[in-house]
Amino acid sequence: MNALVLILISIVAFSIAYVTYGAWLTKQWGVDDSRATPAHTRPDGVDYVPASAPVLLGHHFASIAGAGPITGPIAAAVFGWVPVLLWIIVGSIFFGGVQDYSSLFASIRHEGKSIGEVIHLNMGTKGKRLFSIFAWLTLLLVVAAFTNIVANTFVSVPAAASASMMFIVLAIVFGFAVYRKGVSLKIGTVIGVAMLIACIALGNVFPLVLSRNVWIGFLLVYIFIASTTPVWILLQPRDYLNSFLLYAMIGGAVLGLIITRPTMQLTPYAGFVVNGQFLFPILFITIACGAISGFHSLVGSGTSAKQLDKESDAKIVGYGGMLIEGVLATIAIITAAYITGDKLAELLAAGGPTNVFSDGIGVFMTSFGIPFEIGKSFVALAVSAFALTSLDTGTRLGRFILQEFFEPEDVNAPKPIMTNMYVATGITVVLGGLLATTSWQQIWPVFGSANQLLAALALMAVAVWLKKSGKNNKMFTIPIIFMFSATLIALILLARTNLASGNLILVLFPVVLFVLAIVLLIQGFGILFKAESK
């Protein structure tokens, strides 16, 4: 089948969904621009900082995407491209998009607080504490998985490594100029994008070659610093410029697909059981961020809600951001599915799914005159930039959760050391870094399961709040049941697999997450049932 048809189908489906289903959700939940957002009611110059919709969409998308919508679909390609594509489209519209939009909306109606605080106010202190533990453990896996993936990318594409380092400096200068020196956003954007192109060109001239372990160490130091600085210094400007990388990457991929019109070579459907893995639930937890991701609820309620300028922006940032990620995930499966022979295995061995994706888009871009090496390094830079944002945001969220967890209820009581910004960040970075020393192939299934289960818990939390608020929450019923079923079964299978291979640390994670999820599930369903019976 022609790959161009598939990308056009996904774009049309997502566009229709945004206009119709997104508008329906907005009406059902009562989104209201007359209500001031937390960015205006609680400005602090560090986390609560109003941002325009384009800037915030750039931050939000870069944070939620990372390498997730690329790694997941390519890793799930063993089941065939048809089930992968179907879940990307259906999942993004009715599962992931609903979770992202609703968790962002719930947060701004709770003073920009995390989804854990939403649970606290609607399910009690016990529910909040259990969810906080669950979310923090999931964020450790985020740090581990994305640190590993970025380090592998920098090793396989050294030009992207050097370009990424220059991009960090550029983002800081851009942020200082726009937010502190009053440079117009339009002028700053033109100069920033031009300098970004220069970073890509210089990266190919001066590739930075370091070992994987050195990169892991560097990345851990970087995320510690980046996640403790005010958002205007690095997070907002970098993610705004990231959005142009995204648009250029997707535009280049689509244009290349229009010109080359590659045929899907991968088998459409490989069967329900492949290499001893069952399509249900493994397909759904492997695709992960490409269709629905609990990490998104933490981003939406952790950083994006604190920067939302007005309530209606939540639709484009939350629902729109997830649908754009669905387009990216569709392109990812195409880059794997058009490759013939043993080349896919060779690319995976050389640098993982990001290498497959970068190589594929690089080939597409040659059709309109972009040299392959420049195209490949550009795509690797874009993916790495997204992953670095996810690392920064994930670490910042881990810090928020630890600080909230140990915050004494008595405001006059002395605060324990765990509420210190640098201590909470350091613990998150060190433990996530220890997990990062394993391979992405080992981390990803556990991360996917934890991530999808976190999404089910976030959906349940918002459903409880909407029910108590007298609003329609029926759109959550099927997603909650499906996601809990898939992820709980997956955790059992993963615990058994890792136990057989002697990987005890990756046995402990599924067991602890399973127990926490069951307790929260019982508590949440109990509240929903009581609410229904009134």
Protein backbone atom coordinates (compact mmCIF):
# COMPACT_ATOMS: atom_id res chain seq x y z
CA MET A 1 0.00 0.00 0.00
CA ASN A 2 1.16 3.55 -0.73
CA ALA A 3 2.47 5.25 2.40
CA LEU A 4 1.23 8.66 1.22
CA VAL A 5 -2.37 7.45 1.46
CA LEU A 6 -1.83 6.40 5.08
CA ILE A 7 -0.44 9.74 6.23
CA LEU A 8 -3.25 11.61 4.45
CA ILE A 9 -5.86 9.36 6.11
CA SER A 10 -4.42 10.06 9.54
CA ILE A 11 -4.20 13.84 9.00
CA VAL A 12 -7.80 14.01 7.74
CA ALA A 13 -9.06 11.85 10.61
CA PHE A 14 -7.27 13.96 13.21
CA SER A 15 -8.47 17.23 11.65
CA ILE A 16 -12.10 16.11 11.67
CA ALA A 17 -11.75 14.88 15.25
CA TYR A 18 -10.30 18.19 16.44
CA VAL A 19 -13.13 20.21 14.89
CA THR A 20 -15.97 17.89 15.94
CA TYR A 21 -15.10 15.72 18.94
CA GLY A 22 -12.81 18.35 20.44
CA ALA A 23 -15.57 20.97 20.24
CA TRP A 24 -18.05 18.54 21.81
CA LEU A 25 -15.70 17.87 24.74
CA THR A 26 -15.24 21.62 25.21
CA LYS A 27 -18.99 22.10 25.46
CA GLN A 28 -19.54 19.12 27.77
CA TRP A 29 -16.92 20.25 30.27
CA GLY A 30 -17.86 23.93 30.27
CA VAL A 31 -14.56 25.51 29.19
CA ASP A 32 -14.95 29.22 29.94
CA ASP A 33 -12.61 32.07 28.94
CA SER A 34 -14.20 34.42 31.47
CA ARG A 35 -12.44 32.51 34.26
CA ALA A 36 -8.86 33.60 34.96
CA THR A 37 -6.26 30.84 34.67
CA PRO A 38 -3.69 30.06 37.40
CA ALA A 39 -0.95 31.73 35.33
CA HIS A 40 -2.77 35.03 36.00
CA THR A 41 -4.09 34.37 39.51
CA ARG A 42 -0.85 32.91 40.92
CA PRO A 43 2.05 34.35 38.88
CA ASP A 44 5.46 33.67 40.48
CA GLY A 45 7.91 34.24 37.62
CA VAL A 46 9.26 30.67 37.89
CA ASP A 47 6.53 28.10 37.19
CA TYR A 48 3.34 30.19 36.90
CA VAL A 49 4.15 32.28 33.83
CA PRO A 50 1.50 33.09 31.15
CA ALA A 51 2.45 31.98 27.64
CA SER A 52 0.70 32.51 24.32
CA ALA A 53 -0.95 29.47 22.74
CA PRO A 54 1.77 28.95 20.06
CA VAL A 55 4.57 29.15 22.63
CA LEU A 56 2.79 26.87 25.09
CA LEU A 57 1.86 24.38 22.36
CA GLY A 58 5.53 24.21 21.44
CA HIS A 59 6.53 23.51 25.05
CA HIS A 60 3.70 21.07 25.66
CA PHE A 61 4.23 19.09 22.48
CA ALA A 62 7.99 18.90 22.87
CA SER A 63 7.51 17.74 26.47
CA ILE A 64 4.92 15.05 25.78
CA ALA A 65 6.44 13.74 22.56
CA GLY A 66 10.11 13.17 23.26
CA ALA A 67 11.11 9.97 21.55
CA GLY A 68 7.90 8.23 22.62
CA PRO A 69 5.75 8.43 19.45
CA ILE A 70 8.79 7.29 17.47
CA THR A 71 10.15 4.51 19.65
CA GLY A 72 6.78 2.93 20.45
CA PRO A 73 5.28 2.48 16.96
CA ILE A 74 8.59 1.24 15.48
CA ALA A 75 9.07 -1.25 18.33
CA ALA A 76 5.47 -2.46 17.86
CA ALA A 77 5.95 -2.94 14.11
CA VAL A 78 6.64 -6.64 14.70
CA PHE A 79 2.86 -7.12 14.84
CA GLY A 80 2.42 -5.50 11.41
CA TRP A 81 1.68 -1.94 10.38
CA VAL A 82 -2.14 -2.22 10.25
CA PRO A 83 -2.82 -2.80 13.97
CA VAL A 84 -0.21 -0.18 14.85
CA LEU A 85 -1.80 2.44 12.60
CA LEU A 86 -5.35 1.64 13.76
CA TRP A 87 -4.42 2.06 17.42
CA ILE A 88 -2.54 5.30 16.73
CA ILE A 89 -5.62 6.87 15.10
CA VAL A 90 -8.32 5.49 17.42
CA GLY A 91 -6.19 5.85 20.53
CA SER A 92 -5.13 9.45 19.82
CA ILE A 93 -8.69 10.64 19.16
CA PHE A 94 -10.72 8.83 21.82
CA PHE A 95 -8.14 7.87 24.46
CA GLY A 96 -4.99 10.00 24.50
CA GLY A 97 -6.59 13.22 23.31
CA VAL A 98 -9.36 12.96 25.90
CA GLN A 99 -6.87 12.29 28.69
CA ASP A 100 -4.54 15.14 27.70
CA TYR A 101 -7.31 17.70 27.28
CA SER A 102 -9.18 16.70 30.43
CA SER A 103 -6.15 16.52 32.73
CA LEU A 104 -5.03 19.98 31.57
CA PHE A 105 -8.54 21.35 32.09
CA ALA A 106 -8.89 19.70 35.51
CA SER A 107 -5.58 21.19 36.60
CA ILE A 108 -6.46 24.78 35.68
CA ARG A 109 -9.71 24.36 37.62
CA HIS A 110 -7.57 23.26 40.61
CA GLU A 111 -5.20 26.26 40.65
CA GLY A 112 -2.70 24.66 38.29
CA LYS A 113 -1.99 21.82 40.70
CA SER A 114 -0.92 18.35 39.63
CA ILE A 115 -3.28 15.50 38.84
CA GLY A 116 -2.23 14.12 42.23
CA GLU A 117 -3.80 17.15 43.90
CA VAL A 118 -6.95 16.60 41.83
CA ILE A 119 -7.06 13.10 43.29
CA HIS A 120 -6.40 14.50 46.77
CA LEU A 121 -9.38 16.83 46.62
CA ASN A 122 -11.73 14.27 45.07
CA MET A 123 -10.49 10.91 46.38
CA GLY A 124 -8.79 11.84 49.65
CA THR A 125 -5.26 11.95 51.08
CA LYS A 126 -4.69 8.21 50.75
CA GLY A 127 -5.52 8.31 47.05
CA LYS A 128 -3.18 11.23 46.49
CA ARG A 129 -0.25 9.58 48.29
CA LEU A 130 -0.66 6.30 46.41
CA PHE A 131 -0.93 8.11 43.08
CA SER A 132 2.10 10.27 43.89
CA ILE A 133 4.22 7.17 44.53
CA PHE A 134 2.95 5.60 41.32
CA ALA A 135 3.58 8.75 39.27
CA TRP A 136 7.07 9.27 40.70
CA LEU A 137 8.09 5.68 39.91
CA THR A 138 6.80 6.17 36.37
CA LEU A 139 8.84 9.36 36.03
CA LEU A 140 11.97 7.44 37.05
CA LEU A 141 11.29 5.17 34.10
CA VAL A 142 10.77 8.24 31.86
CA VAL A 143 14.17 9.60 32.90
CA ALA A 144 15.79 6.19 32.40
CA ALA A 145 14.21 5.45 29.01
CA PHE A 146 14.72 8.88 27.44
CA THR A 147 18.26 9.32 28.80
CA ASN A 148 19.13 5.99 27.26
CA ILE A 149 17.51 6.83 23.92
CA VAL A 150 19.13 10.28 23.64
CA ALA A 151 22.57 8.89 24.52
CA ASN A 152 22.19 6.21 21.83
CA THR A 153 21.09 8.85 19.31
CA PHE A 154 24.09 11.07 20.07
CA VAL A 155 26.42 8.11 19.62
CA SER A 156 24.86 7.01 16.32
CA VAL A 157 24.48 10.57 14.92
CA PRO A 158 27.34 12.72 16.37
CA ALA A 159 26.30 15.74 14.27
CA ALA A 160 22.99 15.83 16.16
CA ALA A 161 24.90 15.80 19.45
CA SER A 162 26.92 18.92 18.69
CA ALA A 163 23.89 20.67 17.16
CA SER A 164 21.91 19.89 20.32
CA MET A 165 24.56 21.49 22.53
CA MET A 166 24.53 24.65 20.42
CA PHE A 167 20.74 24.64 20.43
CA ILE A 168 20.68 24.75 24.25
CA VAL A 169 22.82 27.88 24.24
CA LEU A 170 20.67 29.43 21.49
CA ALA A 171 17.48 28.79 23.50
CA ILE A 172 18.91 30.53 26.58
CA VAL A 173 19.91 33.58 24.52
CA PHE A 174 16.49 33.62 22.83
CA GLY A 175 14.67 33.45 26.17
CA PHE A 176 16.77 36.25 27.67
CA ALA A 177 16.22 38.48 24.63
CA VAL A 178 12.44 37.94 24.42
CA TYR A 179 11.50 37.72 28.10
CA ARG A 180 13.98 40.13 29.67
CA LYS A 181 15.14 42.53 26.96
CA GLY A 182 11.79 43.09 25.26
CA VAL A 183 12.74 41.80 21.82
CA SER A 184 9.58 41.20 19.76
CA LEU A 185 8.55 37.54 19.53
CA LYS A 186 8.26 37.82 15.73
CA ILE A 187 11.73 39.29 15.29
CA GLY A 188 13.17 36.87 17.84
CA THR A 189 11.54 33.96 16.03
CA VAL A 190 13.06 34.91 12.65
CA ILE A 191 16.53 35.26 14.16
CA GLY A 192 16.10 32.17 16.35
CA VAL A 193 15.03 29.93 13.47
CA ALA A 194 17.91 31.23 11.33
CA MET A 195 20.37 30.46 14.13
CA LEU A 196 18.78 27.06 14.57
CA ILE A 197 19.51 26.28 10.92
CA ALA A 198 23.09 27.43 11.53
CA CYS A 199 23.33 25.02 14.50
CA ILE A 200 22.33 22.13 12.23
CA ALA A 201 24.89 23.12 9.59
CA LEU A 202 27.69 23.54 12.16
CA GLY A 203 26.75 20.23 13.76
CA ASN A 204 27.57 18.44 10.50
CA VAL A 205 30.89 20.29 10.26
CA PHE A 206 31.86 19.66 13.90
CA PRO A 207 30.32 16.35 15.03
CA LEU A 208 30.76 15.59 18.74
CA VAL A 209 31.91 12.00 19.34
CA LEU A 210 31.64 10.71 22.91
CA SER A 211 30.86 7.32 24.44
CA ARG A 212 27.35 6.30 25.52
CA ASN A 213 28.22 6.34 29.23
CA VAL A 214 29.77 9.81 28.98
CA TRP A 215 26.61 11.09 27.32
CA ILE A 216 24.45 9.51 30.02
CA GLY A 217 26.50 11.28 32.69
CA PHE A 218 26.31 14.59 30.84
CA LEU A 219 22.54 14.29 30.34
CA LEU A 220 21.96 13.60 34.04
CA VAL A 221 23.88 16.75 35.00
CA TYR A 222 22.03 18.72 32.33
CA ILE A 223 18.52 17.71 33.46
CA PHE A 224 19.40 18.50 37.09
CA ILE A 225 20.32 22.05 36.12
CA ALA A 226 17.59 22.53 33.50
CA SER A 227 14.77 21.29 35.75
CA THR A 228 15.63 23.67 38.60
CA THR A 229 15.86 26.90 36.58
CA PRO A 230 12.87 29.23 35.91
CA VAL A 231 10.83 28.14 32.88
CA TRP A 232 11.50 31.37 30.95
CA ILE A 233 15.28 30.75 30.88
CA LEU A 234 15.29 27.49 28.95
CA LEU A 235 12.04 25.52 28.97
CA GLN A 236 9.72 28.02 27.25
CA PRO A 237 12.16 29.40 24.63
CA ARG A 238 13.69 26.01 23.78
CA ASP A 239 10.31 24.36 23.39
CA TYR A 240 8.98 27.24 21.31
CA LEU A 241 11.92 26.86 18.90
CA ASN A 242 11.44 23.08 19.10
CA SER A 243 8.01 23.53 17.57
CA PHE A 244 9.62 24.83 14.36
CA LEU A 245 11.84 21.75 14.26
CA LEU A 246 8.67 19.69 14.53
CA TYR A 247 6.82 21.55 11.79
CA ALA A 248 9.84 21.38 9.48
CA MET A 249 10.36 17.69 10.20
CA ILE A 250 6.72 16.75 9.60
CA GLY A 251 6.53 19.02 6.55
CA GLY A 252 9.72 17.55 5.12
CA ALA A 253 8.49 14.02 5.75
CA VAL A 254 5.10 14.66 4.11
CA LEU A 255 6.68 16.41 1.12
CA GLY A 256 9.13 13.55 0.74
CA LEU A 257 6.27 11.05 0.91
CA ILE A 258 4.38 12.97 -1.78
CA ILE A 259 7.40 12.86 -4.09
CA THR A 260 8.72 9.36 -3.38
CA ARG A 261 5.40 7.61 -2.65
CA PRO A 262 7.04 4.60 -0.98
CA THR A 263 5.17 1.33 -0.72
CA MET A 264 4.66 -0.35 2.65
CA GLN A 265 6.96 -3.38 2.61
CA LEU A 266 6.32 -4.58 6.16
CA THR A 267 3.65 -7.25 6.54
CA PRO A 268 0.24 -5.66 7.30
CA TYR A 269 -0.59 -8.17 10.05
CA ALA A 270 1.91 -10.61 11.51
CA GLY A 271 -0.50 -12.50 13.77
CA PHE A 272 -1.79 -12.37 17.34
CA VAL A 273 1.34 -14.06 18.75
CA VAL A 274 4.76 -12.84 17.51
CA ASN A 275 8.05 -13.97 19.06
CA GLY A 276 6.14 -15.24 22.08
CA GLN A 277 4.44 -11.84 22.61
CA PHE A 278 0.65 -11.41 22.51
CA LEU A 279 -0.83 -8.59 20.47
CA PHE A 280 -3.12 -7.88 23.41
CA PRO A 281 -1.84 -6.34 25.60
CA ILE A 282 1.74 -5.92 24.32
CA LEU A 283 0.89 -3.88 21.21
CA PHE A 284 -0.93 -1.25 23.24
CA ILE A 285 1.69 -0.79 25.94
CA THR A 286 4.53 -0.80 23.38
CA ILE A 287 3.06 1.95 21.18
CA ALA A 288 2.67 3.93 24.42
CA CYS A 289 2.93 7.70 23.74
CA GLY A 290 1.87 7.26 20.11
CA ALA A 291 -1.76 6.77 21.20
CA ILE A 292 -2.10 7.54 24.92
CA SER A 293 0.39 8.35 27.65
CA GLY A 294 0.01 8.93 31.37
CA PHE A 295 3.12 11.07 31.27
CA HIS A 296 1.08 13.58 29.29
CA SER A 297 -1.30 14.06 32.23
CA LEU A 298 1.66 14.89 34.45
CA VAL A 299 2.99 17.40 31.91
CA GLY A 300 -0.43 18.98 31.37
CA SER A 301 -1.15 19.31 35.08
CA GLY A 302 2.45 19.90 36.07
CA THR A 303 3.87 22.59 33.81
CA SER A 304 1.45 23.44 30.97
CA ALA A 305 -1.50 24.30 33.25
CA LYS A 306 0.69 26.82 35.06
CA GLN A 307 1.38 28.65 31.78
CA LEU A 308 -2.06 28.57 30.11
CA ASP A 309 -3.16 32.09 29.16
CA LYS A 310 -6.89 31.32 28.85
CA GLU A 311 -9.08 28.25 29.26
CA SER A 312 -9.91 27.83 25.57
CA ASP A 313 -6.19 27.40 24.84
CA ALA A 314 -6.48 24.02 26.58
CA LYS A 315 -8.11 22.55 23.47
CA ILE A 316 -5.28 23.31 21.05
CA VAL A 317 -2.59 22.59 23.64
CA GLY A 318 -4.09 19.43 25.14
CA TYR A 319 -6.26 17.81 22.46
CA GLY A 320 -4.43 19.35 19.49
CA GLY A 321 -1.02 18.45 20.91
CA MET A 322 -2.00 14.77 21.17
CA LEU A 323 -3.35 14.69 17.61
CA ILE A 324 -0.13 16.21 16.27
CA GLU A 325 1.71 13.48 18.14
CA GLY A 326 -0.53 10.98 16.36
CA VAL A 327 0.68 12.35 13.00
CA LEU A 328 4.27 11.96 14.15
CA ALA A 329 3.58 8.38 15.26
CA THR A 330 2.05 7.62 11.85
CA ILE A 331 5.18 8.91 10.12
CA ALA A 332 7.27 6.77 12.49
CA ILE A 333 5.55 3.52 11.52
CA ILE A 334 5.89 4.45 7.84
CA THR A 335 9.67 4.91 8.20
CA ALA A 336 9.89 1.36 9.54
CA ALA A 337 7.33 -0.22 7.21
CA TYR A 338 8.78 0.93 3.88
CA ILE A 339 12.24 -0.59 4.57
CA THR A 340 13.01 -3.91 2.91
CA GLY A 341 15.27 -6.82 3.84
CA ASP A 342 17.60 -6.75 6.83
CA LYS A 343 18.11 -2.98 6.83
CA LEU A 344 15.53 -2.43 9.59
CA ALA A 345 17.35 -4.79 11.94
CA GLU A 346 20.69 -3.15 11.08
CA LEU A 347 19.40 0.35 11.82
CA LEU A 348 17.81 -0.78 15.09
CA ALA A 349 21.07 -2.40 16.19
CA ALA A 350 23.08 0.71 15.28
CA GLY A 351 21.00 3.26 17.20
CA GLY A 352 17.51 2.04 18.05
CA PRO A 353 14.16 3.32 16.70
CA THR A 354 15.37 6.93 16.53
CA ASN A 355 18.05 5.84 14.08
CA VAL A 356 15.41 4.09 11.96
CA PHE A 357 13.22 7.19 11.99
CA SER A 358 16.08 9.61 11.22
CA ASP A 359 17.33 7.42 8.40
CA GLY A 360 13.87 7.09 6.88
CA ILE A 361 13.05 10.81 6.94
CA GLY A 362 16.57 11.57 5.70
CA VAL A 363 15.91 9.37 2.66
CA PHE A 364 12.54 11.07 2.03
CA MET A 365 14.19 14.51 2.16
CA THR A 366 16.70 13.61 -0.54
CA SER A 367 13.77 13.63 -2.98
CA PHE A 368 13.67 17.44 -2.85
CA GLY A 369 17.39 18.13 -2.72
CA ILE A 370 18.38 17.82 0.96
CA PRO A 371 21.62 15.80 1.29
CA PHE A 372 21.00 12.58 3.22
CA GLU A 373 23.52 13.26 6.01
CA ILE A 374 22.13 16.74 6.67
CA GLY A 375 18.55 15.45 6.60
CA LYS A 376 19.32 12.59 8.95
CA SER A 377 21.20 14.77 11.45
CA PHE A 378 18.38 17.35 11.33
CA VAL A 379 15.79 14.72 12.21
CA ALA A 380 18.01 13.25 14.93
CA LEU A 381 18.42 16.76 16.37
CA ALA A 382 14.65 17.29 16.37
CA VAL A 383 13.95 13.99 18.13
CA SER A 384 16.76 14.58 20.62
CA ALA A 385 15.44 18.08 21.34
CA PHE A 386 12.00 16.63 22.11
CA ALA A 387 13.52 13.93 24.29
CA LEU A 388 15.65 16.47 26.18
CA THR A 389 12.49 18.46 26.88
CA SER A 390 10.77 15.33 28.16
CA LEU A 391 13.77 14.68 30.40
CA ASP A 392 13.78 18.24 31.72
CA THR A 393 10.01 18.27 32.24
CA GLY A 394 9.93 14.74 33.68
CA THR A 395 12.61 15.61 36.21
CA ARG A 396 10.84 18.86 37.12
CA LEU A 397 7.62 16.91 37.64
CA GLY A 398 9.44 14.35 39.78
CA ARG A 399 10.64 17.23 41.93
CA PHE A 400 7.11 18.64 42.22
CA ILE A 401 5.72 15.26 43.27
CA LEU A 402 8.34 14.62 45.94
CA GLN A 403 7.93 18.12 47.32
CA GLU A 404 4.14 17.77 47.43
CA PHE A 405 4.36 14.29 48.97
CA PHE A 406 6.51 15.43 51.91
CA GLU A 407 4.91 18.85 52.34
CA PRO A 408 3.51 18.99 55.93
CA GLU A 409 -0.23 19.66 56.20
CA ASP A 410 0.45 22.17 58.98
CA VAL A 411 1.77 25.28 57.22
CA ASN A 412 3.60 26.32 60.39
CA ALA A 413 5.42 23.00 60.78
CA PRO A 414 9.10 22.83 59.75
CA LYS A 415 9.56 21.50 56.25
CA PRO A 416 11.51 18.23 55.86
CA ILE A 417 14.61 18.18 53.68
CA MET A 418 12.75 16.25 50.96
CA THR A 419 10.77 19.39 50.15
CA ASN A 420 13.98 21.13 49.13
CA MET A 421 14.05 21.70 45.36
CA TYR A 422 17.61 20.48 44.88
CA VAL A 423 17.32 17.43 47.12
CA ALA A 424 14.09 16.25 45.46
CA THR A 425 15.60 16.81 42.01
CA GLY A 426 18.85 15.07 42.90
CA ILE A 427 17.12 11.93 44.16
CA THR A 428 15.01 11.72 40.99
CA VAL A 429 18.03 12.21 38.73
CA VAL A 430 20.28 9.71 40.50
CA LEU A 431 17.74 6.89 40.68
CA GLY A 432 16.57 7.48 37.10
CA GLY A 433 20.20 7.52 35.99
CA LEU A 434 20.90 4.16 37.62
CA LEU A 435 18.04 2.63 35.64
CA ALA A 436 19.35 4.29 32.46
CA THR A 437 22.45 2.09 32.53
CA THR A 438 20.32 -0.79 31.21
CA SER A 439 19.20 -0.96 27.56
CA TRP A 440 16.13 0.78 26.15
CA GLN A 441 14.78 -2.62 25.07
CA GLN A 442 14.59 -3.68 28.75
CA ILE A 443 13.22 -0.40 30.05
CA TRP A 444 10.62 0.33 27.36
CA PRO A 445 8.08 -2.47 28.09
CA VAL A 446 8.04 -1.62 31.80
CA PHE A 447 7.87 2.10 31.04
CA GLY A 448 5.05 1.49 28.55
CA SER A 449 3.01 -0.50 31.07
CA ALA A 450 3.53 2.02 33.87
CA ASN A 451 2.85 4.90 31.51
CA GLN A 452 -0.40 3.45 30.16
CA LEU A 453 -1.59 2.50 33.64
CA LEU A 454 -0.85 6.04 34.79
CA ALA A 455 -3.10 7.20 31.94
CA ALA A 456 -5.91 4.96 33.21
CA LEU A 457 -5.52 6.41 36.70
CA ALA A 458 -5.53 9.97 35.35
CA LEU A 459 -8.68 9.25 33.34
CA MET A 460 -10.34 7.85 36.45
CA ALA A 461 -9.30 10.86 38.55
CA VAL A 462 -10.80 13.34 36.08
CA ALA A 463 -13.94 11.20 35.70
CA VAL A 464 -14.46 11.32 39.48
CA TRP A 465 -14.00 15.11 39.53
CA LEU A 466 -16.37 15.66 36.60
CA LYS A 467 -18.97 13.42 38.24
CA LYS A 468 -18.75 15.40 41.47
CA SER A 469 -18.98 18.61 39.46
CA GLY A 470 -22.16 17.43 37.76
CA LYS A 471 -20.57 17.26 34.30
CA ASN A 472 -20.69 14.50 31.68
CA ASN A 473 -17.95 11.89 32.17
CA LYS A 474 -19.30 9.10 29.94
CA MET A 475 -16.49 9.63 27.43
CA PHE A 476 -14.11 8.12 30.02
CA THR A 477 -15.87 4.78 30.57
CA ILE A 478 -14.45 2.70 27.71
CA PRO A 479 -10.93 4.20 27.88
CA ILE A 480 -10.72 3.50 31.64
CA ILE A 481 -11.86 -0.13 31.35
CA PHE A 482 -9.67 -0.86 28.33
CA MET A 483 -6.52 0.75 29.67
CA PHE A 484 -6.78 -0.91 33.08
CA SER A 485 -7.35 -4.32 31.45
CA ALA A 486 -4.42 -4.01 29.03
CA THR A 487 -1.89 -2.61 31.46
CA LEU A 488 -2.59 -4.80 34.48
CA ILE A 489 -2.27 -7.92 32.32
CA ALA A 490 0.94 -6.53 30.79
CA LEU A 491 2.49 -5.92 34.22
CA ILE A 492 1.86 -9.54 35.18
CA LEU A 493 3.46 -10.79 31.96
CA LEU A 494 6.47 -8.47 32.34
CA ALA A 495 7.06 -9.45 35.96
CA ARG A 496 7.07 -13.10 34.91
CA THR A 497 9.43 -12.47 31.98
CA ASN A 498 11.93 -10.42 34.01
CA LEU A 499 11.85 -12.95 36.85
CA ALA A 500 12.74 -15.71 34.42
CA SER A 501 15.67 -13.67 33.10
CA GLY A 502 16.88 -12.75 36.60
CA ASN A 503 16.34 -8.99 36.16
CA LEU A 504 15.03 -8.40 39.68
CA ILE A 505 14.88 -4.59 39.60
CA LEU A 506 12.52 -4.78 36.61
CA VAL A 507 10.48 -7.38 38.50
CA LEU A 508 10.07 -5.07 41.48
CA PHE A 509 8.74 -2.18 39.42
CA PRO A 510 5.80 -4.09 37.81
CA VAL A 511 4.85 -5.69 41.15
CA VAL A 512 4.81 -2.40 43.08
CA LEU A 513 2.97 -0.58 40.28
CA PHE A 514 0.40 -3.39 40.03
CA VAL A 515 -0.40 -3.27 43.76
CA LEU A 516 -0.66 0.53 43.82
CA ALA A 517 -2.91 0.53 40.75
CA ILE A 518 -5.28 -2.08 42.19
CA VAL A 519 -5.73 -0.12 45.42
CA LEU A 520 -6.39 3.11 43.51
CA LEU A 521 -8.71 1.30 41.11
CA ILE A 522 -10.85 -0.06 43.93
CA GLN A 523 -11.01 3.33 45.63
CA GLY A 524 -11.83 5.25 42.43
CA PHE A 525 -14.47 2.82 41.23
CA GLY A 526 -16.03 2.88 44.69
CA ILE A 527 -16.44 6.66 44.50
CA LEU A 528 -17.82 6.53 40.97
CA PHE A 529 -20.29 3.80 41.94
CA LYS A 530 -21.52 5.74 44.98
CA ALA A 531 -21.87 8.86 42.88
CA GLU A 532 -23.93 6.92 40.34
CA SER A 533 -26.25 5.50 43.02
CA LYS A 534 -27.28 8.88 44.41
